[in-house]
Amino acid sequence: MSSTFRGVLQPSERPASVAVKESDALKQLTERIIGCAIEVHRQLGPGLLEGTYEAALCIELQNAGVNYVRQPIFPVVYKGQTIGEYRLDLIVQDAVVVEIKSVERFDPIFEAQVLTYLRVTSKKIGLLMNFNSRLLRDGIRRYVLG
């Protein structure tokens, strides 16, 4: 088997070494995102609006050399017709959906929201971050769409 891959292989067709490298890269990316978020939380603390944390996280990601798209819009399609749109907080490195909250506690709807965003964007990894947590690590949930 050649070590050069062209096109897109389904996960079941990928050699194990490629799958491991991919998952390692995604794990490293999520850790970089979390590190940037922790720096934002360290500087600003809890209690601010979500948009404030989003703007600060974008600055940290940019300073870290991490590519992102802020507030990307995806259509809601029903039976072939666009009926609305989803607006995500961030997509990082075209791989990770980041949803930012500043709430007293996580509600189940937030998890459903992240999982929906993963399906709509065809991304596999999502981070739900609650900046209103005393310790940010306690306010981060990681989701993997299989």
N, C-alpha and C. Protein backbone atom coordinates (compact mmCIF):
# COMPACT_ATOMS: atom_id res chain seq x y z
N MET A 1 0.84 -1.18 0.00
CA MET A 1 0.00 0.00 0.00
C MET A 1 0.88 1.24 0.00
N SER A 2 0.54 2.20 -0.81
CA SER A 2 1.31 3.44 -0.92
C SER A 2 1.06 4.33 0.29
N SER A 3 2.06 5.12 0.66
CA SER A 3 1.88 6.02 1.80
C SER A 3 1.30 7.36 1.36
N THR A 4 1.05 7.53 0.05
CA THR A 4 0.45 8.76 -0.45
C THR A 4 -1.03 8.52 -0.68
N PHE A 5 -1.86 9.38 -0.08
CA PHE A 5 -3.31 9.23 -0.21
C PHE A 5 -3.85 10.40 -1.01
N ARG A 6 -4.70 10.10 -1.95
CA ARG A 6 -5.38 11.13 -2.73
C ARG A 6 -6.87 10.91 -2.55
N GLY A 7 -7.60 12.02 -2.46
CA GLY A 7 -9.04 11.90 -2.26
C GLY A 7 -9.36 11.68 -0.80
N VAL A 8 -10.61 11.33 -0.55
CA VAL A 8 -11.08 11.15 0.82
C VAL A 8 -11.37 9.68 1.04
N LEU A 9 -10.77 9.11 2.06
CA LEU A 9 -11.03 7.73 2.41
C LEU A 9 -12.04 7.69 3.54
N GLN A 10 -12.93 6.75 3.50
CA GLN A 10 -13.84 6.55 4.61
C GLN A 10 -13.04 6.04 5.79
N PRO A 11 -13.50 6.30 7.04
CA PRO A 11 -12.73 5.86 8.21
C PRO A 11 -12.36 4.38 8.16
N SER A 12 -13.25 3.54 7.66
CA SER A 12 -12.96 2.10 7.62
C SER A 12 -11.89 1.76 6.59
N GLU A 13 -11.63 2.66 5.63
CA GLU A 13 -10.64 2.41 4.59
C GLU A 13 -9.27 2.98 4.94
N ARG A 14 -9.20 3.78 5.98
CA ARG A 14 -7.94 4.42 6.34
C ARG A 14 -7.04 3.45 7.08
N PRO A 15 -5.76 3.46 6.75
CA PRO A 15 -4.83 2.64 7.52
C PRO A 15 -4.82 3.10 8.97
N ALA A 16 -4.58 2.17 9.89
CA ALA A 16 -4.61 2.48 11.32
C ALA A 16 -3.68 3.63 11.67
N SER A 17 -2.50 3.68 11.05
CA SER A 17 -1.54 4.74 11.38
C SER A 17 -2.09 6.12 11.02
N VAL A 18 -2.86 6.22 9.93
CA VAL A 18 -3.46 7.49 9.54
C VAL A 18 -4.53 7.88 10.54
N ALA A 19 -5.36 6.92 10.95
CA ALA A 19 -6.42 7.20 11.92
C ALA A 19 -5.84 7.66 13.24
N VAL A 20 -4.75 7.04 13.68
CA VAL A 20 -4.11 7.43 14.95
C VAL A 20 -3.56 8.84 14.84
N LYS A 21 -2.87 9.14 13.74
CA LYS A 21 -2.32 10.49 13.55
C LYS A 21 -3.43 11.52 13.55
N GLU A 22 -4.55 11.19 12.89
CA GLU A 22 -5.68 12.10 12.83
C GLU A 22 -6.22 12.37 14.23
N SER A 23 -6.45 11.31 15.00
CA SER A 23 -7.02 11.51 16.32
C SER A 23 -6.04 12.21 17.25
N ASP A 24 -4.74 11.93 17.12
CA ASP A 24 -3.73 12.65 17.90
C ASP A 24 -3.75 14.14 17.56
N ALA A 25 -3.86 14.44 16.28
CA ALA A 25 -3.88 15.84 15.85
C ALA A 25 -5.11 16.55 16.39
N LEU A 26 -6.26 15.89 16.36
CA LEU A 26 -7.48 16.49 16.90
C LEU A 26 -7.39 16.67 18.41
N LYS A 27 -6.80 15.70 19.08
CA LYS A 27 -6.64 15.83 20.53
C LYS A 27 -5.73 17.01 20.86
N GLN A 28 -4.63 17.13 20.13
CA GLN A 28 -3.71 18.26 20.34
C GLN A 28 -4.40 19.58 20.04
N LEU A 29 -5.22 19.60 19.00
CA LEU A 29 -5.94 20.82 18.65
C LEU A 29 -6.92 21.20 19.76
N THR A 30 -7.68 20.23 20.25
CA THR A 30 -8.64 20.56 21.32
C THR A 30 -7.91 21.04 22.57
N GLU A 31 -6.75 20.47 22.86
CA GLU A 31 -5.97 20.93 24.02
C GLU A 31 -5.47 22.37 23.81
N ARG A 32 -5.09 22.70 22.58
CA ARG A 32 -4.67 24.09 22.29
C ARG A 32 -5.84 25.05 22.47
N ILE A 33 -7.01 24.65 21.99
CA ILE A 33 -8.21 25.49 22.13
C ILE A 33 -8.52 25.69 23.61
N ILE A 34 -8.49 24.59 24.36
CA ILE A 34 -8.77 24.67 25.80
C ILE A 34 -7.74 25.54 26.50
N GLY A 35 -6.48 25.42 26.12
CA GLY A 35 -5.44 26.27 26.70
C GLY A 35 -5.71 27.75 26.45
N CYS A 36 -6.13 28.07 25.24
CA CYS A 36 -6.47 29.47 24.92
C CYS A 36 -7.66 29.93 25.75
N ALA A 37 -8.65 29.06 25.90
CA ALA A 37 -9.84 29.40 26.69
C ALA A 37 -9.49 29.61 28.16
N ILE A 38 -8.61 28.78 28.68
CA ILE A 38 -8.18 28.93 30.08
C ILE A 38 -7.47 30.27 30.28
N GLU A 39 -6.67 30.68 29.32
CA GLU A 39 -6.00 31.98 29.42
C GLU A 39 -7.03 33.11 29.44
N VAL A 40 -8.05 33.01 28.59
CA VAL A 40 -9.12 34.02 28.59
C VAL A 40 -9.79 34.06 29.95
N HIS A 41 -10.13 32.89 30.48
CA HIS A 41 -10.82 32.81 31.78
C HIS A 41 -9.92 33.33 32.89
N ARG A 42 -8.64 33.04 32.82
CA ARG A 42 -7.68 33.52 33.82
C ARG A 42 -7.65 35.06 33.83
N GLN A 43 -7.70 35.65 32.66
CA GLN A 43 -7.63 37.12 32.55
C GLN A 43 -8.96 37.80 32.89
N LEU A 44 -10.07 37.22 32.45
CA LEU A 44 -11.37 37.89 32.59
C LEU A 44 -12.22 37.38 33.75
N GLY A 45 -12.02 36.12 34.14
CA GLY A 45 -12.85 35.54 35.20
C GLY A 45 -14.27 35.28 34.72
N PRO A 46 -15.10 34.72 35.60
CA PRO A 46 -16.49 34.44 35.25
C PRO A 46 -17.36 35.70 35.33
N GLY A 47 -18.58 35.60 34.77
CA GLY A 47 -19.57 36.64 34.97
C GLY A 47 -19.81 37.61 33.83
N LEU A 48 -19.10 37.45 32.72
CA LEU A 48 -19.29 38.35 31.58
C LEU A 48 -20.21 37.71 30.54
N LEU A 49 -20.55 38.46 29.52
CA LEU A 49 -21.41 37.96 28.46
C LEU A 49 -20.63 37.02 27.53
N GLU A 50 -21.37 36.10 26.90
CA GLU A 50 -20.76 35.12 26.00
C GLU A 50 -19.95 35.79 24.89
N GLY A 51 -20.48 36.85 24.32
CA GLY A 51 -19.80 37.54 23.22
C GLY A 51 -18.44 38.09 23.62
N THR A 52 -18.31 38.48 24.88
CA THR A 52 -17.04 38.99 25.38
C THR A 52 -16.00 37.87 25.39
N TYR A 53 -16.41 36.70 25.89
CA TYR A 53 -15.49 35.56 25.92
C TYR A 53 -15.14 35.10 24.51
N GLU A 54 -16.13 35.13 23.63
CA GLU A 54 -15.88 34.73 22.24
C GLU A 54 -14.84 35.63 21.59
N ALA A 55 -14.99 36.93 21.76
CA ALA A 55 -14.03 37.88 21.18
C ALA A 55 -12.63 37.67 21.75
N ALA A 56 -12.55 37.47 23.07
CA ALA A 56 -11.25 37.25 23.70
C ALA A 56 -10.63 35.93 23.25
N LEU A 57 -11.45 34.89 23.11
CA LEU A 57 -10.94 33.60 22.65
C LEU A 57 -10.40 33.72 21.22
N CYS A 58 -11.06 34.49 20.39
CA CYS A 58 -10.57 34.71 19.03
C CYS A 58 -9.19 35.37 19.04
N ILE A 59 -9.00 36.31 19.94
CA ILE A 59 -7.68 36.96 20.07
C ILE A 59 -6.63 35.94 20.47
N GLU A 60 -6.96 35.10 21.46
CA GLU A 60 -6.01 34.07 21.91
C GLU A 60 -5.69 33.07 20.80
N LEU A 61 -6.71 32.63 20.07
CA LEU A 61 -6.50 31.69 18.97
C LEU A 61 -5.60 32.32 17.90
N GLN A 62 -5.88 33.57 17.58
CA GLN A 62 -5.07 34.27 16.58
C GLN A 62 -3.62 34.38 17.05
N ASN A 63 -3.43 34.75 18.31
CA ASN A 63 -2.07 34.86 18.86
C ASN A 63 -1.34 33.52 18.86
N ALA A 64 -2.11 32.42 18.97
CA ALA A 64 -1.52 31.08 18.97
C ALA A 64 -1.34 30.53 17.56
N GLY A 65 -1.74 31.30 16.55
CA GLY A 65 -1.60 30.85 15.17
C GLY A 65 -2.60 29.78 14.78
N VAL A 66 -3.75 29.77 15.44
CA VAL A 66 -4.79 28.77 15.18
C VAL A 66 -5.88 29.42 14.33
N ASN A 67 -6.17 28.82 13.19
CA ASN A 67 -7.20 29.35 12.30
C ASN A 67 -8.59 29.05 12.84
N TYR A 68 -9.51 29.98 12.62
CA TYR A 68 -10.89 29.80 13.07
C TYR A 68 -11.81 30.63 12.18
N VAL A 69 -13.09 30.29 12.23
CA VAL A 69 -14.13 31.09 11.60
C VAL A 69 -15.11 31.45 12.70
N ARG A 70 -15.38 32.73 12.85
CA ARG A 70 -16.28 33.21 13.89
C ARG A 70 -17.68 33.41 13.33
N GLN A 71 -18.66 32.88 14.04
CA GLN A 71 -20.07 33.03 13.69
C GLN A 71 -20.41 32.54 12.27
N PRO A 72 -19.90 31.36 11.87
CA PRO A 72 -20.28 30.86 10.55
C PRO A 72 -21.77 30.51 10.52
N ILE A 73 -22.37 30.67 9.36
CA ILE A 73 -23.80 30.43 9.20
C ILE A 73 -24.00 29.18 8.36
N PHE A 74 -24.89 28.30 8.82
CA PHE A 74 -25.25 27.09 8.10
C PHE A 74 -26.75 27.05 7.93
N PRO A 75 -27.23 26.68 6.74
CA PRO A 75 -28.68 26.67 6.50
C PRO A 75 -29.37 25.51 7.21
N VAL A 76 -30.62 25.75 7.59
CA VAL A 76 -31.51 24.69 8.08
C VAL A 76 -32.37 24.31 6.89
N VAL A 77 -32.25 23.06 6.45
CA VAL A 77 -32.97 22.61 5.27
C VAL A 77 -34.01 21.58 5.68
N TYR A 78 -35.23 21.80 5.22
CA TYR A 78 -36.33 20.88 5.48
C TYR A 78 -36.95 20.48 4.15
N LYS A 79 -36.89 19.20 3.84
CA LYS A 79 -37.44 18.66 2.59
C LYS A 79 -36.98 19.48 1.38
N GLY A 80 -35.68 19.75 1.38
CA GLY A 80 -35.08 20.42 0.24
C GLY A 80 -35.22 21.93 0.23
N GLN A 81 -35.87 22.50 1.23
CA GLN A 81 -36.05 23.95 1.27
C GLN A 81 -35.36 24.54 2.49
N THR A 82 -34.67 25.64 2.28
CA THR A 82 -34.02 26.33 3.39
C THR A 82 -35.09 27.08 4.17
N ILE A 83 -35.16 26.78 5.48
CA ILE A 83 -36.19 27.39 6.32
C ILE A 83 -35.61 28.25 7.43
N GLY A 84 -34.32 28.30 7.52
CA GLY A 84 -33.68 29.10 8.57
C GLY A 84 -32.18 28.90 8.51
N GLU A 85 -31.53 29.27 9.61
CA GLU A 85 -30.08 29.12 9.65
C GLU A 85 -29.60 28.89 11.07
N TYR A 86 -28.47 28.21 11.17
CA TYR A 86 -27.74 28.04 12.42
C TYR A 86 -26.56 28.99 12.38
N ARG A 87 -26.27 29.61 13.51
CA ARG A 87 -25.08 30.45 13.62
C ARG A 87 -24.26 29.90 14.78
N LEU A 88 -23.12 29.32 14.44
CA LEU A 88 -22.24 28.73 15.45
C LEU A 88 -21.33 29.81 16.03
N ASP A 89 -20.77 29.55 17.20
CA ASP A 89 -19.81 30.50 17.76
C ASP A 89 -18.51 30.45 16.97
N LEU A 90 -17.87 29.27 16.93
CA LEU A 90 -16.58 29.13 16.24
C LEU A 90 -16.45 27.76 15.60
N ILE A 91 -15.77 27.72 14.48
CA ILE A 91 -15.22 26.47 13.95
C ILE A 91 -13.72 26.69 13.87
N VAL A 92 -12.97 25.84 14.55
CA VAL A 92 -11.52 26.00 14.66
C VAL A 92 -10.81 24.99 13.75
N GLN A 93 -9.87 25.50 12.94
CA GLN A 93 -9.06 24.68 12.03
C GLN A 93 -9.93 23.81 11.13
N ASP A 94 -11.14 24.27 10.83
CA ASP A 94 -12.09 23.51 10.01
C ASP A 94 -12.32 22.10 10.55
N ALA A 95 -12.20 21.95 11.89
CA ALA A 95 -12.30 20.61 12.47
C ALA A 95 -13.10 20.55 13.77
N VAL A 96 -13.09 21.61 14.56
CA VAL A 96 -13.70 21.57 15.89
C VAL A 96 -14.74 22.67 16.03
N VAL A 97 -15.95 22.27 16.43
CA VAL A 97 -17.01 23.23 16.73
C VAL A 97 -16.85 23.66 18.18
N VAL A 98 -16.85 24.97 18.42
CA VAL A 98 -16.75 25.50 19.78
C VAL A 98 -18.00 26.31 20.07
N GLU A 99 -18.71 25.93 21.11
CA GLU A 99 -19.91 26.65 21.56
C GLU A 99 -19.61 27.24 22.93
N ILE A 100 -19.78 28.54 23.04
CA ILE A 100 -19.44 29.27 24.27
C ILE A 100 -20.70 29.64 25.02
N LYS A 101 -20.68 29.40 26.31
CA LYS A 101 -21.78 29.77 27.20
C LYS A 101 -21.22 30.53 28.39
N SER A 102 -22.11 31.29 29.03
CA SER A 102 -21.80 31.93 30.30
C SER A 102 -23.07 31.82 31.14
N VAL A 103 -23.26 30.63 31.70
CA VAL A 103 -24.51 30.30 32.39
C VAL A 103 -24.22 29.71 33.77
N GLU A 104 -25.26 29.68 34.59
CA GLU A 104 -25.11 29.13 35.94
C GLU A 104 -24.80 27.64 35.89
N ARG A 105 -25.47 26.92 34.98
CA ARG A 105 -25.24 25.48 34.85
C ARG A 105 -25.59 25.06 33.42
N PHE A 106 -25.05 23.92 33.01
CA PHE A 106 -25.38 23.38 31.70
C PHE A 106 -26.78 22.79 31.72
N ASP A 107 -27.55 23.09 30.70
CA ASP A 107 -28.85 22.46 30.50
C ASP A 107 -28.69 21.43 29.39
N PRO A 108 -29.53 20.39 29.38
CA PRO A 108 -29.43 19.37 28.32
C PRO A 108 -29.55 19.95 26.91
N ILE A 109 -30.25 21.07 26.76
CA ILE A 109 -30.40 21.67 25.44
C ILE A 109 -29.06 22.11 24.86
N PHE A 110 -28.10 22.46 25.71
CA PHE A 110 -26.79 22.88 25.21
C PHE A 110 -26.06 21.72 24.55
N GLU A 111 -26.16 20.53 25.16
CA GLU A 111 -25.56 19.34 24.55
C GLU A 111 -26.23 19.04 23.22
N ALA A 112 -27.56 19.12 23.19
CA ALA A 112 -28.29 18.87 21.94
C ALA A 112 -27.86 19.88 20.87
N GLN A 113 -27.65 21.12 21.27
CA GLN A 113 -27.22 22.16 20.35
C GLN A 113 -25.86 21.81 19.73
N VAL A 114 -24.91 21.41 20.55
CA VAL A 114 -23.57 21.06 20.04
C VAL A 114 -23.66 19.85 19.11
N LEU A 115 -24.41 18.84 19.51
CA LEU A 115 -24.54 17.64 18.67
C LEU A 115 -25.20 17.97 17.33
N THR A 116 -26.18 18.86 17.34
CA THR A 116 -26.81 19.30 16.10
C THR A 116 -25.80 20.03 15.22
N TYR A 117 -25.00 20.91 15.82
CA TYR A 117 -23.98 21.63 15.06
C TYR A 117 -22.97 20.67 14.45
N LEU A 118 -22.62 19.62 15.17
CA LEU A 118 -21.68 18.64 14.62
C LEU A 118 -22.29 17.94 13.41
N ARG A 119 -23.56 17.57 13.51
CA ARG A 119 -24.21 16.91 12.37
C ARG A 119 -24.32 17.85 11.17
N VAL A 120 -24.73 19.08 11.41
CA VAL A 120 -24.93 20.05 10.33
C VAL A 120 -23.61 20.38 9.62
N THR A 121 -22.53 20.46 10.38
CA THR A 121 -21.23 20.84 9.81
C THR A 121 -20.39 19.65 9.36
N SER A 122 -20.84 18.44 9.69
CA SER A 122 -20.08 17.21 9.41
C SER A 122 -18.74 17.19 10.12
N LYS A 123 -18.65 17.87 11.25
CA LYS A 123 -17.44 17.83 12.08
C LYS A 123 -17.61 16.73 13.12
N LYS A 124 -16.49 16.24 13.65
CA LYS A 124 -16.54 15.12 14.59
C LYS A 124 -16.38 15.55 16.04
N ILE A 125 -15.74 16.69 16.28
CA ILE A 125 -15.40 17.11 17.64
C ILE A 125 -16.08 18.43 17.96
N GLY A 126 -16.69 18.49 19.14
CA GLY A 126 -17.29 19.72 19.62
C GLY A 126 -16.87 20.01 21.04
N LEU A 127 -16.66 21.28 21.34
CA LEU A 127 -16.35 21.71 22.70
C LEU A 127 -17.44 22.67 23.15
N LEU A 128 -18.02 22.37 24.30
CA LEU A 128 -18.99 23.25 24.95
C LEU A 128 -18.29 23.83 26.16
N MET A 129 -18.18 25.16 26.20
CA MET A 129 -17.41 25.82 27.26
C MET A 129 -18.29 26.79 28.03
N ASN A 130 -18.33 26.61 29.35
CA ASN A 130 -19.08 27.53 30.21
C ASN A 130 -18.09 28.42 30.96
N PHE A 131 -17.97 29.65 30.49
CA PHE A 131 -17.02 30.58 31.09
C PHE A 131 -17.51 31.13 32.43
N ASN A 132 -18.73 30.77 32.83
CA ASN A 132 -19.23 31.22 34.12
C ASN A 132 -18.85 30.24 35.24
N SER A 133 -18.01 29.28 34.94
CA SER A 133 -17.53 28.32 35.94
C SER A 133 -16.40 28.96 36.74
N ARG A 134 -16.31 28.58 38.02
CA ARG A 134 -15.21 29.08 38.84
C ARG A 134 -13.87 28.62 38.27
N LEU A 135 -13.78 27.32 37.93
CA LEU A 135 -12.62 26.77 37.23
C LEU A 135 -13.10 26.36 35.84
N LEU A 136 -12.50 26.92 34.82
CA LEU A 136 -12.99 26.66 33.47
C LEU A 136 -12.95 25.18 33.11
N ARG A 137 -11.92 24.46 33.56
CA ARG A 137 -11.84 23.02 33.23
C ARG A 137 -13.11 22.28 33.67
N ASP A 138 -13.74 22.74 34.76
CA ASP A 138 -14.99 22.13 35.22
C ASP A 138 -16.17 22.48 34.31
N GLY A 139 -16.00 23.51 33.49
CA GLY A 139 -17.08 23.97 32.63
C GLY A 139 -16.87 23.62 31.16
N ILE A 140 -16.05 22.62 30.88
CA ILE A 140 -15.80 22.22 29.49
C ILE A 140 -16.30 20.80 29.27
N ARG A 141 -17.07 20.63 28.22
CA ARG A 141 -17.53 19.31 27.80
C ARG A 141 -17.02 19.08 26.38
N ARG A 142 -16.51 17.88 26.13
CA ARG A 142 -16.01 17.51 24.80
C ARG A 142 -16.94 16.46 24.23
N TYR A 143 -17.37 16.65 23.00
CA TYR A 143 -18.28 15.72 22.34
C TYR A 143 -17.61 15.18 21.08
N VAL A 144 -17.78 13.89 20.86
CA VAL A 144 -17.24 13.24 19.67
C VAL A 144 -18.41 12.58 18.95
N LEU A 145 -18.61 12.96 17.72
CA LEU A 145 -19.68 12.38 16.91
C LEU A 145 -19.09 11.22 16.13
N GLY A 146 -19.60 10.03 16.39
CA GLY A 146 -19.05 8.82 15.77
C GLY A 146 -19.46 8.65 14.39
